[in-house]
């Protein structure tokens, strides 16, 4: 196929038994013109296509990686038997990061409260120390009480739920790590309307998961769209109301927003990391620039 078939009839010929060093296994192109034809034909592309490919190779700078969410125990909010106890639905307690969850659950039940199954039906979140867990973020959005474990222990001694106003978690290290004022955050009203009037599109690879981010946005009054809008639609929407359309992405999903990042206009500033959501909830402010993905 790539040589002269006459060689099959001349296998004993010396030219087919001695090879130079290194051996030359080249073939004669004249014998296979049908294979060489494609290599002789130039590939024609427009200047616009060339420039598009060239721009797509531009490096992308993601905002610094988000701090990891604290791992929570999956069984710390399992309900214990509440038979024979009068239930007070004003105290539906959720636990996060607690190593004493079993003991504290019993206290809640003894006082007539309920161990909540999730952030969706709790009135109080109890933590040993402040940590940025999923439950904390959801409870901030829902404006529930964030309480230390000592509140339950003292309530047990008093045989009744004590006034929440007399208890609070230490916020110094937490505020320093996340650049926020947690006490001020808890005093902010209408936290469930933080993202009201804003629409989001979230890519698949975001951390901790797309489902968590979707629920966080919706808990703060935002709308999450299933299909991404075109660059023209996004620009038109943000002209009337700046930053009313935001894309949350991950470095593994940059190809899904490459057309926006190549845009020289301000539309690329609406492509952000998930840290925008976490920071907005903790600070109760919406600052896009620190979390925008940038093209170098």
C-alpha atoms as a PDB file:
ATOM      1  CA  UNK A   1       0.000   0.000   0.000  1.00  0.00           C
ATOM      2  CA  UNK A   2       2.820   2.402   0.852  1.00  0.00           C
ATOM      3  CA  UNK A   3       5.522   0.936  -1.434  1.00  0.00           C
ATOM      4  CA  UNK A   4       6.263  -0.963  -4.615  1.00  0.00           C
ATOM      5  CA  UNK A   5       4.478  -4.323  -4.954  1.00  0.00           C
ATOM      6  CA  UNK A   6       7.456  -5.550  -6.975  1.00  0.00           C
ATOM      7  CA  UNK A   7       9.273  -6.041  -3.673  1.00  0.00           C
ATOM      8  CA  UNK A   8       7.055  -9.061  -2.977  1.00  0.00           C
ATOM      9  CA  UNK A   9       8.658 -10.789  -5.931  1.00  0.00           C
ATOM     10  CA  UNK A  10      12.204  -9.756  -5.005  1.00  0.00           C
ATOM     11  CA  UNK A  11      12.377 -10.636  -1.307  1.00  0.00           C
ATOM     12  CA  UNK A  12      15.864 -12.166  -1.751  1.00  0.00           C
ATOM     13  CA  UNK A  13      17.238  -8.972  -3.308  1.00  0.00           C
ATOM     14  CA  UNK A  14      20.047  -7.415  -1.251  1.00  0.00           C
ATOM     15  CA  UNK A  15      18.320  -4.019  -1.149  1.00  0.00           C
ATOM     16  CA  UNK A  16      15.560  -5.561   0.964  1.00  0.00           C
ATOM     17  CA  UNK A  17      17.953  -7.287   3.376  1.00  0.00           C
ATOM     18  CA  UNK A  18      20.437  -4.546   4.282  1.00  0.00           C
ATOM     19  CA  UNK A  19      19.345  -1.343   6.008  1.00  0.00           C
ATOM     20  CA  UNK A  20      21.244   1.825   6.880  1.00  0.00           C
ATOM     21  CA  UNK A  21      21.544   3.089  10.458  1.00  0.00           C
ATOM     22  CA  UNK A  22      19.108   4.417  11.364  1.00  0.00           C
ATOM     23  CA  UNK A  23      16.890   2.381   9.005  1.00  0.00           C
ATOM     24  CA  UNK A  24      14.971   4.293   6.364  1.00  0.00           C
ATOM     25  CA  UNK A  25      11.350   3.183   6.267  1.00  0.00           C
ATOM     26  CA  UNK A  26      10.104   6.043   4.112  1.00  0.00           C
ATOM     27  CA  UNK A  27       7.560   5.381   1.383  1.00  0.00           C
ATOM     28  CA  UNK A  28       7.181   6.700  -2.118  1.00  0.00           C
ATOM     29  CA  UNK A  29       4.308   9.270  -2.200  1.00  0.00           C
ATOM     30  CA  UNK A  30       3.945   8.790  -5.942  1.00  0.00           C
ATOM     31  CA  UNK A  31       2.640   5.296  -5.319  1.00  0.00           C
ATOM     32  CA  UNK A  32      -0.224   6.495  -3.057  1.00  0.00           C
ATOM     33  CA  UNK A  33      -1.547   9.726  -4.600  1.00  0.00           C
ATOM     34  CA  UNK A  34      -5.051   9.070  -3.265  1.00  0.00           C
ATOM     35  CA  UNK A  35      -3.756   9.233   0.327  1.00  0.00           C
ATOM     36  CA  UNK A  36      -1.629  12.309  -0.246  1.00  0.00           C
ATOM     37  CA  UNK A  37      -4.353  14.354  -1.910  1.00  0.00           C
ATOM     38  CA  UNK A  38      -5.894  15.526   1.392  1.00  0.00           C
ATOM     39  CA  UNK A  39      -2.525  16.764   2.668  1.00  0.00           C
ATOM     40  CA  UNK A  40      -2.063  18.976  -0.378  1.00  0.00           C
ATOM     41  CA  UNK A  41      -5.383  20.791   0.078  1.00  0.00           C
ATOM     42  CA  UNK A  42      -5.194  23.939   2.268  1.00  0.00           C
ATOM     43  CA  UNK A  43      -7.766  24.498   5.021  1.00  0.00           C
ATOM     44  CA  UNK A  44      -9.491  27.820   4.488  1.00  0.00           C
ATOM     45  CA  UNK A  45     -10.720  29.715   7.563  1.00  0.00           C
ATOM     46  CA  UNK A  46     -11.849  33.293   7.883  1.00  0.00           C
ATOM     47  CA  UNK A  47      -9.880  35.916   9.791  1.00  0.00           C
ATOM     48  CA  UNK A  48     -12.789  36.161  12.227  1.00  0.00           C
ATOM     49  CA  UNK A  49     -12.596  32.430  12.988  1.00  0.00           C
ATOM     50  CA  UNK A  50      -8.847  32.660  13.477  1.00  0.00           C
ATOM     51  CA  UNK A  51      -9.206  35.540  15.918  1.00  0.00           C
ATOM     52  CA  UNK A  52     -11.943  33.683  17.819  1.00  0.00           C
ATOM     53  CA  UNK A  53      -9.710  30.634  18.309  1.00  0.00           C
ATOM     54  CA  UNK A  54      -6.811  32.850  19.297  1.00  0.00           C
ATOM     55  CA  UNK A  55      -8.899  34.648  21.950  1.00  0.00           C
ATOM     56  CA  UNK A  56     -10.289  31.405  23.357  1.00  0.00           C
ATOM     57  CA  UNK A  57      -6.756  30.386  24.266  1.00  0.00           C
ATOM     58  CA  UNK A  58      -6.393  33.363  26.610  1.00  0.00           C
ATOM     59  CA  UNK A  59      -5.670  32.284  30.206  1.00  0.00           C
ATOM     60  CA  UNK A  60      -8.443  32.779  32.761  1.00  0.00           C
ATOM     61  CA  UNK A  61      -7.922  33.968  36.316  1.00  0.00           C
ATOM     62  CA  UNK A  62     -10.403  32.549  38.802  1.00  0.00           C
ATOM     63  CA  UNK A  63     -10.905  34.360  42.112  1.00  0.00           C
ATOM     64  CA  UNK A  64      -8.995  32.776  44.963  1.00  0.00           C
ATOM     65  CA  UNK A  65     -10.434  29.446  45.970  1.00  0.00           C
ATOM     66  CA  UNK A  66     -13.367  29.488  48.350  1.00  0.00           C
ATOM     67  CA  UNK A  67     -12.782  28.364  51.887  1.00  0.00           C
ATOM     68  CA  UNK A  68     -14.049  24.854  52.375  1.00  0.00           C
ATOM     69  CA  UNK A  69     -17.376  24.299  54.051  1.00  0.00           C
ATOM     70  CA  UNK A  70     -17.159  22.599  57.409  1.00  0.00           C
ATOM     71  CA  UNK A  71     -18.173  18.935  57.352  1.00  0.00           C
ATOM     72  CA  UNK A  72     -21.362  18.224  59.241  1.00  0.00           C
ATOM     73  CA  UNK A  73     -22.496  14.962  60.791  1.00  0.00           C
ATOM     74  CA  UNK A  74     -25.408  13.397  58.953  1.00  0.00           C
ATOM     75  CA  UNK A  75     -27.012  11.931  62.094  1.00  0.00           C
ATOM     76  CA  UNK A  76     -26.822  14.858  64.503  1.00  0.00           C
ATOM     77  CA  UNK A  77     -30.440  15.868  63.879  1.00  0.00           C
ATOM     78  CA  UNK A  78     -32.096  12.462  64.114  1.00  0.00           C
ATOM     79  CA  UNK A  79     -35.228  12.723  66.213  1.00  0.00           C
ATOM     80  CA  UNK A  80     -35.349  10.857  69.514  1.00  0.00           C
ATOM     81  CA  UNK A  81     -38.525   9.360  70.884  1.00  0.00           C
ATOM     82  CA  UNK A  82     -40.917  12.143  71.975  1.00  0.00           C
ATOM     83  CA  UNK A  83     -43.763  10.014  73.292  1.00  0.00           C
ATOM     84  CA  UNK A  84     -45.383  11.355  76.462  1.00  0.00           C
ATOM     85  CA  UNK A  85     -43.861  14.845  76.045  1.00  0.00           C
ATOM     86  CA  UNK A  86     -45.843  18.006  75.342  1.00  0.00           C
ATOM     87  CA  UNK A  87     -44.284  19.522  72.232  1.00  0.00           C
ATOM     88  CA  UNK A  88     -43.592  23.262  71.958  1.00  0.00           C
ATOM     89  CA  UNK A  89     -43.339  24.023  68.251  1.00  0.00           C
ATOM     90  CA  UNK A  90     -41.716  27.399  69.033  1.00  0.00           C
ATOM     91  CA  UNK A  91     -38.500  25.496  69.705  1.00  0.00           C
ATOM     92  CA  UNK A  92     -37.514  23.387  66.726  1.00  0.00           C
ATOM     93  CA  UNK A  93     -33.773  22.939  67.212  1.00  0.00           C
ATOM     94  CA  UNK A  94     -31.266  22.059  64.490  1.00  0.00           C
ATOM     95  CA  UNK A  95     -27.678  21.052  65.282  1.00  0.00           C
ATOM     96  CA  UNK A  96     -24.506  21.748  63.309  1.00  0.00           C
ATOM     97  CA  UNK A  97     -20.936  20.571  63.982  1.00  0.00           C
ATOM     98  CA  UNK A  98     -21.971  19.282  67.409  1.00  0.00           C
ATOM     99  CA  UNK A  99     -20.086  16.432  69.101  1.00  0.00           C
ATOM    100  CA  UNK A 100     -22.700  16.372  71.894  1.00  0.00           C
ATOM    101  CA  UNK A 101     -25.725  16.143  69.626  1.00  0.00           C
ATOM    102  CA  UNK A 102     -27.185  13.011  71.264  1.00  0.00           C
ATOM    103  CA  UNK A 103     -27.133  14.516  74.767  1.00  0.00           C
ATOM    104  CA  UNK A 104     -28.436  17.873  73.577  1.00  0.00           C
ATOM    105  CA  UNK A 105     -31.240  16.243  71.590  1.00  0.00           C
ATOM    106  CA  UNK A 106     -32.512  14.646  74.807  1.00  0.00           C
ATOM    107  CA  UNK A 107     -32.452  18.033  76.540  1.00  0.00           C
ATOM    108  CA  UNK A 108     -34.526  19.557  73.743  1.00  0.00           C
ATOM    109  CA  UNK A 109     -37.097  16.769  74.090  1.00  0.00           C
ATOM    110  CA  UNK A 110     -37.181  16.978  77.876  1.00  0.00           C
ATOM    111  CA  UNK A 111     -37.931  20.694  77.640  1.00  0.00           C
ATOM    112  CA  UNK A 112     -40.780  20.029  75.202  1.00  0.00           C
ATOM    113  CA  UNK A 113     -38.981  21.128  72.052  1.00  0.00           C
ATOM    114  CA  UNK A 114     -38.484  19.334  68.743  1.00  0.00           C
ATOM    115  CA  UNK A 115     -35.272  18.193  67.080  1.00  0.00           C
ATOM    116  CA  UNK A 116     -35.591  19.639  63.580  1.00  0.00           C
ATOM    117  CA  UNK A 117     -34.692  17.450  60.634  1.00  0.00           C
ATOM    118  CA  UNK A 118     -33.426  20.251  58.397  1.00  0.00           C
ATOM    119  CA  UNK A 119     -32.957  24.000  58.055  1.00  0.00           C
ATOM    120  CA  UNK A 120     -36.351  24.216  56.371  1.00  0.00           C
ATOM    121  CA  UNK A 121     -38.345  23.645  59.567  1.00  0.00           C
ATOM    122  CA  UNK A 122     -36.087  24.866  62.401  1.00  0.00           C
ATOM    123  CA  UNK A 123     -36.410  27.881  64.674  1.00  0.00           C
ATOM    124  CA  UNK A 124     -32.979  27.575  66.336  1.00  0.00           C
ATOM    125  CA  UNK A 125     -29.550  26.456  65.118  1.00  0.00           C
ATOM    126  CA  UNK A 126     -27.211  25.252  67.887  1.00  0.00           C
ATOM    127  CA  UNK A 127     -23.441  25.113  67.297  1.00  0.00           C
ATOM    128  CA  UNK A 128     -20.406  24.599  69.586  1.00  0.00           C
ATOM    129  CA  UNK A 129     -18.504  27.354  67.738  1.00  0.00           C
ATOM    130  CA  UNK A 130     -19.150  29.467  64.669  1.00  0.00           C
ATOM    131  CA  UNK A 131     -18.198  27.690  61.443  1.00  0.00           C
ATOM    132  CA  UNK A 132     -19.281  28.365  57.879  1.00  0.00           C
ATOM    133  CA  UNK A 133     -21.409  25.287  57.322  1.00  0.00           C
ATOM    134  CA  UNK A 134     -24.289  24.871  54.885  1.00  0.00           C
ATOM    135  CA  UNK A 135     -26.743  24.862  57.780  1.00  0.00           C
ATOM    136  CA  UNK A 136     -25.420  28.174  59.082  1.00  0.00           C
ATOM    137  CA  UNK A 137     -25.829  29.866  55.686  1.00  0.00           C
ATOM    138  CA  UNK A 138     -29.365  28.539  55.264  1.00  0.00           C
ATOM    139  CA  UNK A 139     -30.333  29.613  58.788  1.00  0.00           C
ATOM    140  CA  UNK A 140     -28.976  33.118  58.211  1.00  0.00           C
ATOM    141  CA  UNK A 141     -31.263  33.361  55.174  1.00  0.00           C
ATOM    142  CA  UNK A 142     -34.238  32.113  57.178  1.00  0.00           C
ATOM    143  CA  UNK A 143     -33.548  34.489  60.094  1.00  0.00           C
ATOM    144  CA  UNK A 144     -33.557  31.802  62.784  1.00  0.00           C
ATOM    145  CA  UNK A 145     -31.750  32.031  66.135  1.00  0.00           C
ATOM    146  CA  UNK A 146     -28.055  31.026  66.046  1.00  0.00           C
ATOM    147  CA  UNK A 147     -27.276  29.736  69.545  1.00  0.00           C
ATOM    148  CA  UNK A 148     -24.324  28.238  71.465  1.00  0.00           C
ATOM    149  CA  UNK A 149     -24.621  24.823  73.087  1.00  0.00           C
ATOM    150  CA  UNK A 150     -24.445  26.487  76.509  1.00  0.00           C
ATOM    151  CA  UNK A 151     -27.949  27.885  75.952  1.00  0.00           C
ATOM    152  CA  UNK A 152     -29.384  24.360  75.988  1.00  0.00           C
ATOM    153  CA  UNK A 153     -27.277  23.269  78.940  1.00  0.00           C
ATOM    154  CA  UNK A 154     -28.394  26.249  81.030  1.00  0.00           C
ATOM    155  CA  UNK A 155     -31.987  25.738  79.887  1.00  0.00           C
ATOM    156  CA  UNK A 156     -31.764  22.153  81.106  1.00  0.00           C
ATOM    157  CA  UNK A 157     -30.636  23.342  84.542  1.00  0.00           C
ATOM    158  CA  UNK A 158     -33.509  25.855  84.628  1.00  0.00           C
ATOM    159  CA  UNK A 159     -35.994  23.264  83.314  1.00  0.00           C
ATOM    160  CA  UNK A 160     -37.206  25.692  80.652  1.00  0.00           C
ATOM    161  CA  UNK A 161     -35.972  27.338  77.488  1.00  0.00           C
ATOM    162  CA  UNK A 162     -34.115  30.499  78.504  1.00  0.00           C
ATOM    163  CA  UNK A 163     -34.190  33.882  76.754  1.00  0.00           C
ATOM    164  CA  UNK A 164     -32.094  33.738  73.568  1.00  0.00           C
ATOM    165  CA  UNK A 165     -31.030  37.376  73.935  1.00  0.00           C
ATOM    166  CA  UNK A 166     -28.695  36.432  76.795  1.00  0.00           C
ATOM    167  CA  UNK A 167     -26.595  34.072  74.675  1.00  0.00           C
ATOM    168  CA  UNK A 168     -24.355  34.423  71.645  1.00  0.00           C
ATOM    169  CA  UNK A 169     -21.460  32.646  69.972  1.00  0.00           C
ATOM    170  CA  UNK A 170     -17.928  34.060  69.989  1.00  0.00           C
ATOM    171  CA  UNK A 171     -17.522  35.865  66.661  1.00  0.00           C
ATOM    172  CA  UNK A 172     -13.971  37.255  66.814  1.00  0.00           C
ATOM    173  CA  UNK A 173     -12.136  34.533  64.864  1.00  0.00           C
ATOM    174  CA  UNK A 174     -15.052  34.001  62.499  1.00  0.00           C
ATOM    175  CA  UNK A 175     -15.282  37.695  61.627  1.00  0.00           C
ATOM    176  CA  UNK A 176     -11.533  37.834  61.018  1.00  0.00           C
ATOM    177  CA  UNK A 177     -11.510  34.781  58.741  1.00  0.00           C
ATOM    178  CA  UNK A 178     -14.498  35.784  56.608  1.00  0.00           C
ATOM    179  CA  UNK A 179     -14.152  39.574  56.772  1.00  0.00           C
ATOM    180  CA  UNK A 180     -17.644  40.107  58.144  1.00  0.00           C
ATOM    181  CA  UNK A 181     -19.486  41.372  61.220  1.00  0.00           C
ATOM    182  CA  UNK A 182     -21.617  38.404  62.240  1.00  0.00           C
ATOM    183  CA  UNK A 183     -23.535  40.287  64.922  1.00  0.00           C
ATOM    184  CA  UNK A 184     -24.491  42.959  62.405  1.00  0.00           C
ATOM    185  CA  UNK A 185     -25.477  40.244  59.927  1.00  0.00           C
ATOM    186  CA  UNK A 186     -27.907  38.733  62.439  1.00  0.00           C
ATOM    187  CA  UNK A 187     -29.364  42.171  63.130  1.00  0.00           C
ATOM    188  CA  UNK A 188     -30.043  42.767  59.427  1.00  0.00           C
ATOM    189  CA  UNK A 189     -33.729  42.616  58.570  1.00  0.00           C
ATOM    190  CA  UNK A 190     -35.244  40.965  55.480  1.00  0.00           C
ATOM    191  CA  UNK A 191     -32.297  38.644  54.952  1.00  0.00           C
ATOM    192  CA  UNK A 192     -34.553  36.416  52.881  1.00  0.00           C
ATOM    193  CA  UNK A 193     -34.738  39.218  50.271  1.00  0.00           C
ATOM    194  CA  UNK A 194     -30.986  39.687  49.736  1.00  0.00           C
ATOM    195  CA  UNK A 195     -31.131  38.439  46.114  1.00  0.00           C
ATOM    196  CA  UNK A 196     -34.593  39.736  45.318  1.00  0.00           C
ATOM    197  CA  UNK A 197     -34.798  40.975  41.727  1.00  0.00           C
ATOM    198  CA  UNK A 198     -31.688  39.033  40.660  1.00  0.00           C
ATOM    199  CA  UNK A 199     -31.475  36.056  38.327  1.00  0.00           C
ATOM    200  CA  UNK A 200     -28.687  33.473  38.371  1.00  0.00           C
ATOM    201  CA  UNK A 201     -27.388  30.749  36.112  1.00  0.00           C
ATOM    202  CA  UNK A 202     -25.220  28.160  37.881  1.00  0.00           C
ATOM    203  CA  UNK A 203     -22.825  25.779  36.104  1.00  0.00           C
ATOM    204  CA  UNK A 204     -22.656  22.068  37.034  1.00  0.00           C
ATOM    205  CA  UNK A 205     -19.241  21.805  38.738  1.00  0.00           C
ATOM    206  CA  UNK A 206     -19.667  24.450  41.453  1.00  0.00           C
ATOM    207  CA  UNK A 207     -18.726  23.609  45.052  1.00  0.00           C
ATOM    208  CA  UNK A 208     -20.160  22.315  47.358  1.00  0.00           C
ATOM    209  CA  UNK A 209     -22.858  21.384  44.811  1.00  0.00           C
ATOM    210  CA  UNK A 210     -25.228  23.010  42.358  1.00  0.00           C
ATOM    211  CA  UNK A 211     -28.278  21.941  44.387  1.00  0.00           C
ATOM    212  CA  UNK A 212     -26.960  23.657  47.543  1.00  0.00           C
ATOM    213  CA  UNK A 213     -26.242  26.909  45.689  1.00  0.00           C
ATOM    214  CA  UNK A 214     -29.621  26.844  43.962  1.00  0.00           C
ATOM    215  CA  UNK A 215     -31.385  26.503  47.316  1.00  0.00           C
ATOM    216  CA  UNK A 216     -29.252  29.242  48.901  1.00  0.00           C
ATOM    217  CA  UNK A 217     -30.109  31.675  46.100  1.00  0.00           C
ATOM    218  CA  UNK A 218     -33.796  30.829  46.316  1.00  0.00           C
ATOM    219  CA  UNK A 219     -33.732  31.142  50.132  1.00  0.00           C
ATOM    220  CA  UNK A 220     -32.585  34.736  49.659  1.00  0.00           C
ATOM    221  CA  UNK A 221     -35.281  35.605  47.132  1.00  0.00           C
ATOM    222  CA  UNK A 222     -33.250  35.063  43.955  1.00  0.00           C
ATOM    223  CA  UNK A 223     -34.261  33.177  40.811  1.00  0.00           C
ATOM    224  CA  UNK A 224     -32.140  30.399  39.288  1.00  0.00           C
ATOM    225  CA  UNK A 225     -32.658  29.856  35.552  1.00  0.00           C
ATOM    226  CA  UNK A 226     -32.180  26.421  33.949  1.00  0.00           C
ATOM    227  CA  UNK A 227     -30.975  27.757  30.576  1.00  0.00           C
ATOM    228  CA  UNK A 228     -28.280  30.393  30.170  1.00  0.00           C
ATOM    229  CA  UNK A 229     -29.216  33.593  28.364  1.00  0.00           C
ATOM    230  CA  UNK A 230     -27.275  34.843  25.357  1.00  0.00           C
ATOM    231  CA  UNK A 231     -24.670  37.580  25.703  1.00  0.00           C
ATOM    232  CA  UNK A 232     -27.045  40.087  24.072  1.00  0.00           C
ATOM    233  CA  UNK A 233     -29.887  39.176  26.441  1.00  0.00           C
ATOM    234  CA  UNK A 234     -27.620  39.436  29.479  1.00  0.00           C
ATOM    235  CA  UNK A 235     -26.288  42.813  28.389  1.00  0.00           C
ATOM    236  CA  UNK A 236     -29.795  44.168  27.806  1.00  0.00           C
ATOM    237  CA  UNK A 237     -30.950  42.950  31.215  1.00  0.00           C
ATOM    238  CA  UNK A 238     -27.988  44.424  33.090  1.00  0.00           C
ATOM    239  CA  UNK A 239     -28.259  47.773  31.315  1.00  0.00           C
ATOM    240  CA  UNK A 240     -31.600  48.412  32.954  1.00  0.00           C
ATOM    241  CA  UNK A 241     -30.599  46.927  36.325  1.00  0.00           C
ATOM    242  CA  UNK A 242     -26.824  46.411  36.822  1.00  0.00           C
ATOM    243  CA  UNK A 243     -25.838  42.977  38.130  1.00  0.00           C
ATOM    244  CA  UNK A 244     -29.394  41.706  37.934  1.00  0.00           C
ATOM    245  CA  UNK A 245     -28.135  38.661  36.025  1.00  0.00           C
ATOM    246  CA  UNK A 246     -25.205  36.716  37.490  1.00  0.00           C
ATOM    247  CA  UNK A 247     -23.472  33.520  36.413  1.00  0.00           C
ATOM    248  CA  UNK A 248     -21.868  31.346  39.091  1.00  0.00           C
ATOM    249  CA  UNK A 249     -19.194  29.050  37.698  1.00  0.00           C
ATOM    250  CA  UNK A 250     -16.193  26.846  38.487  1.00  0.00           C
ATOM    251  CA  UNK A 251     -12.828  26.565  36.760  1.00  0.00           C
ATOM    252  CA  UNK A 252     -13.915  23.210  35.269  1.00  0.00           C
ATOM    253  CA  UNK A 253     -16.846  24.944  33.535  1.00  0.00           C
ATOM    254  CA  UNK A 254     -15.037  27.894  31.950  1.00  0.00           C
ATOM    255  CA  UNK A 255     -15.832  26.571  28.475  1.00  0.00           C
ATOM    256  CA  UNK A 256     -19.536  27.164  29.193  1.00  0.00           C
ATOM    257  CA  UNK A 257     -18.987  30.904  29.614  1.00  0.00           C
ATOM    258  CA  UNK A 258     -15.990  31.446  27.301  1.00  0.00           C
ATOM    259  CA  UNK A 259     -18.004  33.668  24.948  1.00  0.00           C
ATOM    260  CA  UNK A 260     -18.791  36.060  27.815  1.00  0.00           C
ATOM    261  CA  UNK A 261     -15.235  36.125  29.135  1.00  0.00           C
ATOM    262  CA  UNK A 262     -13.923  37.069  25.680  1.00  0.00           C
ATOM    263  CA  UNK A 263     -16.312  40.012  25.552  1.00  0.00           C
ATOM    264  CA  UNK A 264     -14.485  43.290  26.107  1.00  0.00           C
ATOM    265  CA  UNK A 265     -17.581  44.874  27.611  1.00  0.00           C
ATOM    266  CA  UNK A 266     -18.633  44.707  31.269  1.00  0.00           C
ATOM    267  CA  UNK A 267     -20.660  41.545  30.636  1.00  0.00           C
ATOM    268  CA  UNK A 268     -17.690  39.412  31.701  1.00  0.00           C
ATOM    269  CA  UNK A 269     -17.918  40.911  35.206  1.00  0.00           C
ATOM    270  CA  UNK A 270     -21.124  39.001  35.825  1.00  0.00           C
ATOM    271  CA  UNK A 271     -19.281  35.646  35.683  1.00  0.00           C
ATOM    272  CA  UNK A 272     -18.295  34.897  39.282  1.00  0.00           C
ATOM    273  CA  UNK A 273     -17.194  32.138  41.616  1.00  0.00           C
ATOM    274  CA  UNK A 274     -19.503  30.572  44.207  1.00  0.00           C
ATOM    275  CA  UNK A 275     -17.771  32.627  46.893  1.00  0.00           C
ATOM    276  CA  UNK A 276     -19.963  35.546  45.791  1.00  0.00           C
ATOM    277  CA  UNK A 277     -23.023  33.748  47.215  1.00  0.00           C
ATOM    278  CA  UNK A 278     -21.364  32.755  50.505  1.00  0.00           C
ATOM    279  CA  UNK A 279     -19.840  36.184  51.077  1.00  0.00           C
ATOM    280  CA  UNK A 280     -23.067  38.017  50.245  1.00  0.00           C
ATOM    281  CA  UNK A 281     -25.004  35.981  52.810  1.00  0.00           C
ATOM    282  CA  UNK A 282     -22.396  36.431  55.551  1.00  0.00           C
ATOM    283  CA  UNK A 283     -21.996  40.179  54.947  1.00  0.00           C
ATOM    284  CA  UNK A 284     -25.520  40.941  53.712  1.00  0.00           C
ATOM    285  CA  UNK A 285     -24.007  42.972  50.884  1.00  0.00           C
ATOM    286  CA  UNK A 286     -23.702  42.196  47.182  1.00  0.00           C
ATOM    287  CA  UNK A 287     -20.152  42.942  45.940  1.00  0.00           C
ATOM    288  CA  UNK A 288     -19.390  41.395  42.555  1.00  0.00           C
ATOM    289  CA  UNK A 289     -15.895  42.614  41.645  1.00  0.00           C
ATOM    290  CA  UNK A 290     -13.848  40.603  44.215  1.00  0.00           C
ATOM    291  CA  UNK A 291     -15.367  37.352  42.937  1.00  0.00           C
ATOM    292  CA  UNK A 292     -15.517  38.034  39.185  1.00  0.00           C
ATOM    293  CA  UNK A 293     -13.637  35.653  36.894  1.00  0.00           C
ATOM    294  CA  UNK A 294     -11.023  37.603  34.907  1.00  0.00           C
ATOM    295  CA  UNK A 295      -9.318  36.907  31.568  1.00  0.00           C
ATOM    296  CA  UNK A 296      -5.603  37.656  31.672  1.00  0.00           C
END
